[in-house]
């Protein structure tokens, strides 16, 4: 099984500007879910779906690659998450990169731990 974790992190936050990269307890907010995903041992790849060069640069500085930026048409205040996920998978597919399972983890989750992801995956697996 090849697994992908997608973190949707657009740059256009309105209520809290730049919330996905804002400092929280001395670290960028998005660094917490990235660390939890890495430490979970569940995933073959992590993709931060962003339209923002600033977010992409930060993610790269945290040691991840940014395979591609999100299409700006999927980064406004009214875009639902499912079209973003679908577009991401289609983009990988066009590059002949395929995944069997996908998990989405939100970028503003500083209290998430790798065990949360492992336990969620176990529940998901048992249900199928």
Protein backbone atom coordinates (compact mmCIF):
# COMPACT_ATOMS: atom_id res chain seq x y z
CA UNK A 1 0.00 0.00 0.00
CA UNK A 2 1.30 3.40 -0.97
CA UNK A 3 -0.05 6.20 1.26
CA UNK A 4 -0.15 9.96 0.81
CA UNK A 5 -0.80 12.59 3.48
CA UNK A 6 -2.19 15.86 2.13
CA UNK A 7 -2.06 19.05 4.18
CA UNK A 8 -4.27 21.73 2.58
CA UNK A 9 -2.64 25.07 3.42
CA UNK A 10 -3.72 27.94 1.24
CA UNK A 11 -2.12 31.31 1.67
CA UNK A 12 -5.18 33.55 1.77
CA UNK A 13 -6.26 33.36 5.40
CA UNK A 14 -8.69 36.17 6.16
CA UNK A 15 -9.49 36.04 9.88
CA UNK A 16 -5.98 35.20 11.04
CA UNK A 17 -3.48 36.35 8.43
CA UNK A 18 -0.90 33.71 7.49
CA UNK A 19 -2.33 31.37 10.13
CA UNK A 20 -0.75 28.26 8.61
CA UNK A 21 2.76 29.61 9.14
CA UNK A 22 2.17 31.81 12.18
CA UNK A 23 4.41 31.05 15.15
CA UNK A 24 2.83 28.95 17.89
CA UNK A 25 5.00 28.13 20.91
CA UNK A 26 8.10 29.00 18.94
CA UNK A 27 7.33 27.00 15.79
CA UNK A 28 5.33 27.58 12.62
CA UNK A 29 1.81 26.18 13.02
CA UNK A 30 2.18 23.84 10.02
CA UNK A 31 5.30 22.23 11.48
CA UNK A 32 3.24 20.32 14.07
CA UNK A 33 1.15 18.19 11.68
CA UNK A 34 4.19 17.69 9.43
CA UNK A 35 6.16 16.30 12.37
CA UNK A 36 3.25 14.07 13.44
CA UNK A 37 2.88 12.70 9.91
CA UNK A 38 6.61 12.01 9.63
CA UNK A 39 6.76 10.32 13.02
CA UNK A 40 3.69 8.16 12.37
CA UNK A 41 5.54 5.96 9.91
CA UNK A 42 2.33 5.57 7.91
CA UNK A 43 3.07 7.57 4.81
CA UNK A 44 5.19 7.24 1.70
CA UNK A 45 4.74 10.90 0.83
CA UNK A 46 3.52 14.18 2.30
CA UNK A 47 2.08 16.85 0.05
CA UNK A 48 1.37 20.36 1.31
CA UNK A 49 -1.30 21.65 -1.04
CA UNK A 50 -0.67 25.38 -1.21
CA UNK A 51 -0.95 28.26 -3.62
CA UNK A 52 1.54 30.30 -1.59
CA UNK A 53 5.24 30.62 -2.38
CA UNK A 54 5.81 31.71 1.22
CA UNK A 55 4.21 28.55 2.62
CA UNK A 56 6.08 26.42 0.07
CA UNK A 57 9.41 27.99 1.08
CA UNK A 58 8.71 27.35 4.75
CA UNK A 59 7.74 23.74 4.06
CA UNK A 60 10.98 23.26 2.09
CA UNK A 61 12.94 24.75 5.00
CA UNK A 62 11.29 22.10 7.22
CA UNK A 63 12.76 19.40 4.99
CA UNK A 64 9.86 18.54 2.69
CA UNK A 65 9.67 18.83 -1.06
CA UNK A 66 6.82 20.74 -2.64
CA UNK A 67 6.06 18.78 -5.79
CA UNK A 68 3.75 21.45 -7.21
CA UNK A 69 1.67 24.46 -6.17
CA UNK A 70 -2.11 24.36 -6.04
CA UNK A 71 -4.01 25.91 -8.92
CA UNK A 72 -5.05 29.43 -7.79
CA UNK A 73 -8.63 28.73 -8.89
CA UNK A 74 -8.81 26.23 -6.01
CA UNK A 75 -7.56 28.64 -3.37
CA UNK A 76 -10.34 31.09 -2.67
CA UNK A 77 -12.57 31.48 0.38
CA UNK A 78 -15.37 29.40 -1.12
CA UNK A 79 -13.50 26.40 -2.53
CA UNK A 80 -14.58 23.14 -0.87
CA UNK A 81 -11.85 20.74 0.18
CA UNK A 82 -12.89 17.76 -2.00
CA UNK A 83 -12.06 19.49 -5.32
CA UNK A 84 -8.65 20.40 -3.88
CA UNK A 85 -7.94 16.79 -2.91
CA UNK A 86 -9.21 15.48 -6.23
CA UNK A 87 -7.11 17.99 -8.19
CA UNK A 88 -4.02 17.01 -6.18
CA UNK A 89 -4.50 13.33 -6.91
CA UNK A 90 -5.15 14.03 -10.60
CA UNK A 91 -1.97 16.08 -10.75
CA UNK A 92 0.05 13.21 -9.28
CA UNK A 93 -1.69 10.80 -11.65
CA UNK A 94 -0.64 12.94 -14.65
CA UNK A 95 2.95 12.45 -13.45
CA UNK A 96 2.37 8.67 -13.22
CA UNK A 97 2.49 8.75 -9.41
CA UNK A 98 -0.28 6.77 -7.77
CA UNK A 99 -1.42 6.23 -4.18
CA UNK A 100 -3.64 3.55 -2.68
CA UNK A 101 -4.69 5.51 0.38
CA UNK A 102 -4.88 9.20 1.15
CA UNK A 103 -5.26 10.93 4.50
CA UNK A 104 -5.88 14.64 4.91
CA UNK A 105 -4.45 16.43 7.93
CA UNK A 106 -5.33 20.05 8.55
CA UNK A 107 -2.43 22.53 8.87
CA UNK A 108 -3.56 24.28 12.05
CA UNK A 109 -3.41 21.30 14.40
CA UNK A 110 -0.58 22.01 16.83
CA UNK A 111 -1.75 19.38 19.32
CA UNK A 112 -1.83 16.48 16.87
CA UNK A 113 0.48 13.60 17.65
CA UNK A 114 1.69 10.71 15.55
CA UNK A 115 -0.29 8.34 17.77
CA UNK A 116 -3.49 10.20 16.78
CA UNK A 117 -2.79 9.39 13.14
CA UNK A 118 -1.85 5.78 13.87
CA UNK A 119 -5.02 5.26 15.93
CA UNK A 120 -7.20 6.92 13.27
CA UNK A 121 -5.65 4.70 10.63
CA UNK A 122 -6.31 1.59 12.73
CA UNK A 123 -9.97 2.57 13.12
CA UNK A 124 -10.25 3.22 9.40
CA UNK A 125 -8.63 -0.13 8.58
CA UNK A 126 -10.89 -2.05 10.94
CA UNK A 127 -13.98 -0.46 9.38
CA UNK A 128 -13.02 -1.62 5.90
